Amino acid sequence: QVFVNNKKYACATCIKGHRSSTCGHTDRPLFEIKRKGRPQTQCEHCRRLRKTRQVHVRCDCASLDDIPDGQRGA
C-alpha cells in the first residue's frame, strides 16, 4: 500500500486481485482504498441520539448545515 496524507492507495490491478495491502506499484495510477463494510449514513449527532435516546431517524443534518448543533431537532 502507498500512504498519502494517512490515506491508503493501491493500483487497480492489485485492488481487483485482492492484493491491495501488498501493492507497491508507484508507477501506475493509484486509487484510494475504501473502508470495509457499509458506509455510514448518519452524522455523529444523529448517531449519538440513536444510542442515548433509542431514536432511529433518517439523518437530515446535511441539509441543515446553517443551524448550530445545539439547536437541531431530532
PDB file of N, CA and C in Angstrom:
ATOM      1  N   GLN A   1       0.831  -1.178   0.000  1.00  0.00           N
ATOM      2  CA  GLN A   1       0.000   0.000   0.000  1.00  0.00           C
ATOM      3  C   GLN A   1       0.869   1.231   0.000  1.00  0.00           C
ATOM      4  N   VAL A   2       0.362   2.239  -0.634  1.00  0.00           N
ATOM      5  CA  VAL A   2       1.029   3.527  -0.653  1.00  0.00           C
ATOM      6  C   VAL A   2       0.208   4.460   0.228  1.00  0.00           C
ATOM      7  N   PHE A   3       0.866   5.129   1.174  1.00  0.00           N
ATOM      8  CA  PHE A   3       0.181   6.050   2.070  1.00  0.00           C
ATOM      9  C   PHE A   3       0.452   7.481   1.628  1.00  0.00           C
ATOM     10  N   VAL A   4      -0.615   8.262   1.459  1.00  0.00           N
ATOM     11  CA  VAL A   4      -0.511   9.689   1.159  1.00  0.00           C
ATOM     12  C   VAL A   4      -1.503  10.401   2.066  1.00  0.00           C
ATOM     13  N   ASN A   5      -1.002  11.281   2.930  1.00  0.00           N
ATOM     14  CA  ASN A   5      -1.853  12.009   3.883  1.00  0.00           C
ATOM     15  C   ASN A   5      -2.718  11.060   4.712  1.00  0.00           C
ATOM     16  N   ASN A   6      -2.126   9.984   5.212  1.00  0.00           N
ATOM     17  CA  ASN A   6      -2.803   8.986   6.051  1.00  0.00           C
ATOM     18  C   ASN A   6      -3.959   8.287   5.345  1.00  0.00           C
ATOM     19  N   LYS A   7      -3.954   8.251   4.022  1.00  0.00           N
ATOM     20  CA  LYS A   7      -4.951   7.503   3.264  1.00  0.00           C
ATOM     21  C   LYS A   7      -4.222   6.417   2.490  1.00  0.00           C
ATOM     22  N   LYS A   8      -4.858   5.264   2.367  1.00  0.00           N
ATOM     23  CA  LYS A   8      -4.249   4.125   1.686  1.00  0.00           C
ATOM     24  C   LYS A   8      -4.613   4.143   0.205  1.00  0.00           C
ATOM     25  N   TYR A   9      -3.619   3.884  -0.634  1.00  0.00           N
ATOM     26  CA  TYR A   9      -3.812   3.833  -2.078  1.00  0.00           C
ATOM     27  C   TYR A   9      -3.191   2.562  -2.634  1.00  0.00           C
ATOM     28  N   ALA A  10      -3.793   2.058  -3.727  1.00  0.00           N
ATOM     29  CA  ALA A  10      -3.259   0.896  -4.431  1.00  0.00           C
ATOM     30  C   ALA A  10      -3.667   1.005  -5.896  1.00  0.00           C
ATOM     31  N   CYS A  11      -2.972   0.263  -6.747  1.00  0.00           N
ATOM     32  CA  CYS A  11      -3.313   0.298  -8.174  1.00  0.00           C
ATOM     33  C   CYS A  11      -4.542  -0.582  -8.429  1.00  0.00           C
ATOM     34  N   ALA A  12      -5.179  -0.369  -9.573  1.00  0.00           N
ATOM     35  CA  ALA A  12      -6.412  -1.087  -9.905  1.00  0.00           C
ATOM     36  C   ALA A  12      -6.189  -2.590 -10.002  1.00  0.00           C
ATOM     37  N   THR A  13      -5.054  -3.004 -10.543  1.00  0.00           N
ATOM     38  CA  THR A  13      -4.766  -4.432 -10.694  1.00  0.00           C
ATOM     39  C   THR A  13      -4.695  -5.120  -9.340  1.00  0.00           C
ATOM     40  N   CYS A  14      -4.020  -4.496  -8.388  1.00  0.00           N
ATOM     41  CA  CYS A  14      -3.897  -5.095  -7.059  1.00  0.00           C
ATOM     42  C   CYS A  14      -5.228  -5.072  -6.311  1.00  0.00           C
ATOM     43  N   ILE A  15      -6.031  -4.034  -6.521  1.00  0.00           N
ATOM     44  CA  ILE A  15      -7.344  -3.978  -5.871  1.00  0.00           C
ATOM     45  C   ILE A  15      -8.230  -5.100  -6.401  1.00  0.00           C
ATOM     46  N   LYS A  16      -8.264  -5.272  -7.724  1.00  0.00           N
ATOM     47  CA  LYS A  16      -9.094  -6.327  -8.318  1.00  0.00           C
ATOM     48  C   LYS A  16      -8.602  -7.712  -7.945  1.00  0.00           C
ATOM     49  N   GLY A  17      -7.294  -7.863  -7.753  1.00  0.00           N
ATOM     50  CA  GLY A  17      -6.723  -9.156  -7.393  1.00  0.00           C
ATOM     51  C   GLY A  17      -6.643  -9.383  -5.898  1.00  0.00           C
ATOM     52  N   HIS A  18      -7.294  -8.516  -5.112  1.00  0.00           N
ATOM     53  CA  HIS A  18      -7.325  -8.636  -3.645  1.00  0.00           C
ATOM     54  C   HIS A  18      -5.921  -8.633  -3.048  1.00  0.00           C
ATOM     55  N   ARG A  19      -5.034  -7.824  -3.627  1.00  0.00           N
ATOM     56  CA  ARG A  19      -3.672  -7.703  -3.123  1.00  0.00           C
ATOM     57  C   ARG A  19      -3.347  -6.260  -2.757  1.00  0.00           C
ATOM     58  N   SER A  20      -4.335  -5.478  -2.389  1.00  0.00           N
ATOM     59  CA  SER A  20      -4.113  -4.047  -2.160  1.00  0.00           C
ATOM     60  C   SER A  20      -3.182  -3.784  -0.982  1.00  0.00           C
ATOM     61  N   SER A  21      -3.141  -4.682  -0.013  1.00  0.00           N
ATOM     62  CA  SER A  21      -2.281  -4.451   1.153  1.00  0.00           C
ATOM     63  C   SER A  21      -0.805  -4.639   0.820  1.00  0.00           C
ATOM     64  N   THR A  22      -0.493  -5.328  -0.266  1.00  0.00           N
ATOM     65  CA  THR A  22       0.908  -5.538  -0.638  1.00  0.00           C
ATOM     66  C   THR A  22       1.308  -4.756  -1.883  1.00  0.00           C
ATOM     67  N   CYS A  23       0.439  -3.878  -2.366  1.00  0.00           N
ATOM     68  CA  CYS A  23       0.723  -3.125  -3.588  1.00  0.00           C
ATOM     69  C   CYS A  23       1.864  -2.144  -3.356  1.00  0.00           C
ATOM     70  N   GLY A  24       2.828  -2.166  -4.245  1.00  0.00           N
ATOM     71  CA  GLY A  24       3.942  -1.237  -4.178  1.00  0.00           C
ATOM     72  C   GLY A  24       4.173  -0.556  -5.515  1.00  0.00           C
ATOM     73  N   HIS A  25       3.179  -0.586  -6.392  1.00  0.00           N
ATOM     74  CA  HIS A  25       3.304  -0.024  -7.733  1.00  0.00           C
ATOM     75  C   HIS A  25       3.092   1.485  -7.690  1.00  0.00           C
ATOM     76  N   THR A  26       4.171   2.227  -7.682  1.00  0.00           N
ATOM     77  CA  THR A  26       4.060   3.686  -7.669  1.00  0.00           C
ATOM     78  C   THR A  26       4.043   4.267  -9.074  1.00  0.00           C
ATOM     79  N   ASP A  27       4.310   3.427 -10.089  1.00  0.00           N
ATOM     80  CA  ASP A  27       4.333   3.903 -11.469  1.00  0.00           C
ATOM     81  C   ASP A  27       2.973   3.789 -12.153  1.00  0.00           C
ATOM     82  N   ARG A  28       1.972   3.231 -11.480  1.00  0.00           N
ATOM     83  CA  ARG A  28       0.632   3.059 -12.037  1.00  0.00           C
ATOM     84  C   ARG A  28      -0.326   4.065 -11.390  1.00  0.00           C
ATOM     85  N   PRO A  29      -1.484   4.301 -12.034  1.00  0.00           N
ATOM     86  CA  PRO A  29      -2.490   5.166 -11.394  1.00  0.00           C
ATOM     87  C   PRO A  29      -2.995   4.513 -10.108  1.00  0.00           C
ATOM     88  N   LEU A  30      -3.047   5.273  -9.032  1.00  0.00           N
ATOM     89  CA  LEU A  30      -3.447   4.745  -7.729  1.00  0.00           C
ATOM     90  C   LEU A  30      -4.852   5.208  -7.372  1.00  0.00           C
ATOM     91  N   PHE A  31      -5.577   4.353  -6.668  1.00  0.00           N
ATOM     92  CA  PHE A  31      -6.935   4.640  -6.223  1.00  0.00           C
ATOM     93  C   PHE A  31      -7.000   4.480  -4.712  1.00  0.00           C
ATOM     94  N   GLU A  32      -7.830   5.295  -4.080  1.00  0.00           N
ATOM     95  CA  GLU A  32      -7.959   5.239  -2.623  1.00  0.00           C
ATOM     96  C   GLU A  32      -8.650   3.947  -2.211  1.00  0.00           C
ATOM     97  N   ILE A  33      -8.143   3.334  -1.152  1.00  0.00           N
ATOM     98  CA  ILE A  33      -8.742   2.116  -0.617  1.00  0.00           C
ATOM     99  C   ILE A  33      -9.870   2.525   0.321  1.00  0.00           C
ATOM    100  N   LYS A  34     -11.067   2.047   0.041  1.00  0.00           N
ATOM    101  CA  LYS A  34     -12.229   2.376   0.858  1.00  0.00           C
ATOM    102  C   LYS A  34     -12.257   1.509   2.107  1.00  0.00           C
ATOM    103  N   ARG A  35     -12.965   1.982   3.126  1.00  0.00           N
ATOM    104  CA  ARG A  35     -13.119   1.200   4.346  1.00  0.00           C
ATOM    105  C   ARG A  35     -14.009  -0.002   4.095  1.00  0.00           C
ATOM    106  N   LYS A  36     -13.830  -1.053   4.870  1.00  0.00           N
ATOM    107  CA  LYS A  36     -14.646  -2.251   4.732  1.00  0.00           C
ATOM    108  C   LYS A  36     -16.049  -1.985   5.259  1.00  0.00           C
ATOM    109  N   GLY A  37     -17.007  -2.732   4.740  1.00  0.00           N
ATOM    110  CA  GLY A  37     -18.372  -2.653   5.241  1.00  0.00           C
ATOM    111  C   GLY A  37     -19.191  -1.574   4.559  1.00  0.00           C
ATOM    112  N   ARG A  38     -20.387  -1.383   5.091  1.00  0.00           N
ATOM    113  CA  ARG A  38     -21.303  -0.396   4.533  1.00  0.00           C
ATOM    114  C   ARG A  38     -20.913   0.997   4.996  1.00  0.00           C
ATOM    115  N   PRO A  39     -21.089   1.999   4.148  1.00  0.00           N
ATOM    116  CA  PRO A  39     -20.759   3.366   4.564  1.00  0.00           C
ATOM    117  C   PRO A  39     -21.758   3.880   5.590  1.00  0.00           C
ATOM    118  N   GLN A  40     -21.285   4.765   6.467  1.00  0.00           N
ATOM    119  CA  GLN A  40     -22.162   5.332   7.480  1.00  0.00           C
ATOM    120  C   GLN A  40     -23.108   6.325   6.825  1.00  0.00           C
ATOM    121  N   THR A  41     -24.369   6.303   7.248  1.00  0.00           N
ATOM    122  CA  THR A  41     -25.365   7.194   6.664  1.00  0.00           C
ATOM    123  C   THR A  41     -25.811   8.267   7.637  1.00  0.00           C
ATOM    124  N   GLN A  42     -25.385   8.186   8.882  1.00  0.00           N
ATOM    125  CA  GLN A  42     -25.778   9.175   9.871  1.00  0.00           C
ATOM    126  C   GLN A  42     -24.563   9.942  10.361  1.00  0.00           C
ATOM    127  N   CYS A  43     -24.794  11.223  10.703  1.00  0.00           N
ATOM    128  CA  CYS A  43     -23.720  12.038  11.259  1.00  0.00           C
ATOM    129  C   CYS A  43     -23.545  11.682  12.738  1.00  0.00           C
ATOM    130  N   GLU A  44     -22.509  12.247  13.359  1.00  0.00           N
ATOM    131  CA  GLU A  44     -22.240  11.970  14.776  1.00  0.00           C
ATOM    132  C   GLU A  44     -23.412  12.381  15.660  1.00  0.00           C
ATOM    133  N   HIS A  45     -24.055  13.499  15.331  1.00  0.00           N
ATOM    134  CA  HIS A  45     -25.178  13.994  16.137  1.00  0.00           C
ATOM    135  C   HIS A  45     -26.327  12.981  16.147  1.00  0.00           C
ATOM    136  N   CYS A  46     -26.751  12.524  14.980  1.00  0.00           N
ATOM    137  CA  CYS A  46     -27.864  11.566  14.894  1.00  0.00           C
ATOM    138  C   CYS A  46     -27.471  10.204  15.463  1.00  0.00           C
ATOM    139  N   ARG A  47     -26.209   9.811  15.314  1.00  0.00           N
ATOM    140  CA  ARG A  47     -25.746   8.548  15.874  1.00  0.00           C
ATOM    141  C   ARG A  47     -25.788   8.593  17.396  1.00  0.00           C
ATOM    142  N   ARG A  48     -25.402   9.741  17.966  1.00  0.00           N
ATOM    143  CA  ARG A  48     -25.439   9.913  19.420  1.00  0.00           C
ATOM    144  C   ARG A  48     -26.885   9.852  19.925  1.00  0.00           C
ATOM    145  N   LEU A  49     -27.828  10.469  19.191  1.00  0.00           N
ATOM    146  CA  LEU A  49     -29.244  10.398  19.566  1.00  0.00           C
ATOM    147  C   LEU A  49     -29.747   8.958  19.533  1.00  0.00           C
ATOM    148  N   ARG A  50     -29.328   8.207  18.528  1.00  0.00           N
ATOM    149  CA  ARG A  50     -29.764   6.814  18.402  1.00  0.00           C
ATOM    150  C   ARG A  50     -29.296   5.989  19.589  1.00  0.00           C
ATOM    151  N   LYS A  51     -28.064   6.265  20.062  1.00  0.00           N
ATOM    152  CA  LYS A  51     -27.523   5.470  21.163  1.00  0.00           C
ATOM    153  C   LYS A  51     -28.049   5.898  22.521  1.00  0.00           C
ATOM    154  N   THR A  52     -28.329   7.189  22.715  1.00  0.00           N
ATOM    155  CA  THR A  52     -28.752   7.659  24.039  1.00  0.00           C
ATOM    156  C   THR A  52     -30.257   7.629  24.221  1.00  0.00           C
ATOM    157  N   ARG A  53     -31.019   7.989  23.194  1.00  0.00           N
ATOM    158  CA  ARG A  53     -32.476   8.086  23.332  1.00  0.00           C
ATOM    159  C   ARG A  53     -33.238   6.967  22.632  1.00  0.00           C
ATOM    160  N   GLN A  54     -32.542   6.022  22.034  1.00  0.00           N
ATOM    161  CA  GLN A  54     -33.164   4.955  21.254  1.00  0.00           C
ATOM    162  C   GLN A  54     -34.083   5.535  20.171  1.00  0.00           C
ATOM    163  N   VAL A  55     -33.626   6.614  19.515  1.00  0.00           N
ATOM    164  CA  VAL A  55     -34.366   7.240  18.427  1.00  0.00           C
ATOM    165  C   VAL A  55     -33.623   6.936  17.136  1.00  0.00           C
ATOM    166  N   HIS A  56     -34.273   6.239  16.217  1.00  0.00           N
ATOM    167  CA  HIS A  56     -33.620   5.900  14.952  1.00  0.00           C
ATOM    168  C   HIS A  56     -34.355   6.627  13.829  1.00  0.00           C
ATOM    169  N   VAL A  57     -33.796   7.756  13.416  1.00  0.00           N
ATOM    170  CA  VAL A  57     -34.415   8.558  12.370  1.00  0.00           C
ATOM    171  C   VAL A  57     -33.425   8.748  11.229  1.00  0.00           C
ATOM    172  N   ARG A  58     -33.962   9.124  10.083  1.00  0.00           N
ATOM    173  CA  ARG A  58     -33.104   9.419   8.947  1.00  0.00           C
ATOM    174  C   ARG A  58     -32.354  10.721   9.210  1.00  0.00           C
ATOM    175  N   CYS A  59     -31.098  10.769   8.860  1.00  0.00           N
ATOM    176  CA  CYS A  59     -30.265  11.940   9.115  1.00  0.00           C
ATOM    177  C   CYS A  59     -30.526  13.008   8.059  1.00  0.00           C
ATOM    178  N   ASP A  60     -31.053  14.156   8.486  1.00  0.00           N
ATOM    179  CA  ASP A  60     -31.261  15.294   7.596  1.00  0.00           C
ATOM    180  C   ASP A  60     -30.327  16.441   7.943  1.00  0.00           C
ATOM    181  N   CYS A  61     -29.318  16.187   8.744  1.00  0.00           N
ATOM    182  CA  CYS A  61     -28.426  17.249   9.217  1.00  0.00           C
ATOM    183  C   CYS A  61     -27.618  17.872   8.092  1.00  0.00           C
ATOM    184  N   ALA A  62     -27.349  17.138   7.030  1.00  0.00           N
ATOM    185  CA  ALA A  62     -26.573  17.702   5.926  1.00  0.00           C
ATOM    186  C   ALA A  62     -27.326  18.848   5.269  1.00  0.00           C
ATOM    187  N   SER A  63     -28.656  18.787   5.285  1.00  0.00           N
ATOM    188  CA  SER A  63     -29.448  19.869   4.709  1.00  0.00           C
ATOM    189  C   SER A  63     -29.653  21.007   5.695  1.00  0.00           C
ATOM    190  N   LEU A  64     -29.232  20.822   6.949  1.00  0.00           N
ATOM    191  CA  LEU A  64     -29.401  21.835   7.986  1.00  0.00           C
ATOM    192  C   LEU A  64     -28.063  22.375   8.456  1.00  0.00           C
ATOM    193  N   ASP A  65     -27.100  22.505   7.543  1.00  0.00           N
ATOM    194  CA  ASP A  65     -25.751  22.922   7.924  1.00  0.00           C
ATOM    195  C   ASP A  65     -25.697  24.296   8.558  1.00  0.00           C
ATOM    196  N   ASP A  66     -26.651  25.178   8.230  1.00  0.00           N
ATOM    197  CA  ASP A  66     -26.594  26.531   8.763  1.00  0.00           C
ATOM    198  C   ASP A  66     -27.151  26.630  10.181  1.00  0.00           C
ATOM    199  N   ILE A  67     -27.735  25.552  10.725  1.00  0.00           N
ATOM    200  CA  ILE A  67     -28.266  25.552  12.087  1.00  0.00           C
ATOM    201  C   ILE A  67     -27.203  24.991  13.021  1.00  0.00           C
ATOM    202  N   PRO A  68     -26.880  25.675  14.131  1.00  0.00           N
ATOM    203  CA  PRO A  68     -25.878  25.163  15.074  1.00  0.00           C
ATOM    204  C   PRO A  68     -26.301  23.831  15.677  1.00  0.00           C
ATOM    205  N   ASP A  69     -25.309  23.013  16.092  1.00  0.00           N
ATOM    206  CA  ASP A  69     -25.580  21.678  16.623  1.00  0.00           C
ATOM    207  C   ASP A  69     -26.540  21.693  17.801  1.00  0.00           C
ATOM    208  N   GLY A  70     -26.423  22.657  18.697  1.00  0.00           N
ATOM    209  CA  GLY A  70     -27.259  22.689  19.890  1.00  0.00           C
ATOM    210  C   GLY A  70     -28.714  22.985  19.612  1.00  0.00           C
ATOM    211  N   GLN A  71     -29.034  23.521  18.435  1.00  0.00           N
ATOM    212  CA  GLN A  71     -30.404  23.905  18.132  1.00  0.00           C
ATOM    213  C   GLN A  71     -31.088  22.968  17.155  1.00  0.00           C
ATOM    214  N   ARG A  72     -30.432  21.907  16.758  1.00  0.00           N
ATOM    215  CA  ARG A  72     -31.034  20.957  15.827  1.00  0.00           C
ATOM    216  C   ARG A  72     -32.019  20.066  16.556  1.00  0.00           C
ATOM    217  N   GLY A  73     -33.123  19.771  15.906  1.00  0.00           N
ATOM    218  CA  GLY A  73     -34.106  18.864  16.487  1.00  0.00           C
ATOM    219  C   GLY A  73     -33.894  17.462  16.002  1.00  0.00           C
ATOM    220  N   ALA A  74     -34.523  16.504  16.679  1.00  0.00           N
ATOM    221  CA  ALA A  74     -34.354  15.110  16.288  1.00  0.00           C
ATOM    222  C   ALA A  74     -35.377  14.767  15.293  1.00  0.00           C
TER     223      ALA A  74
END
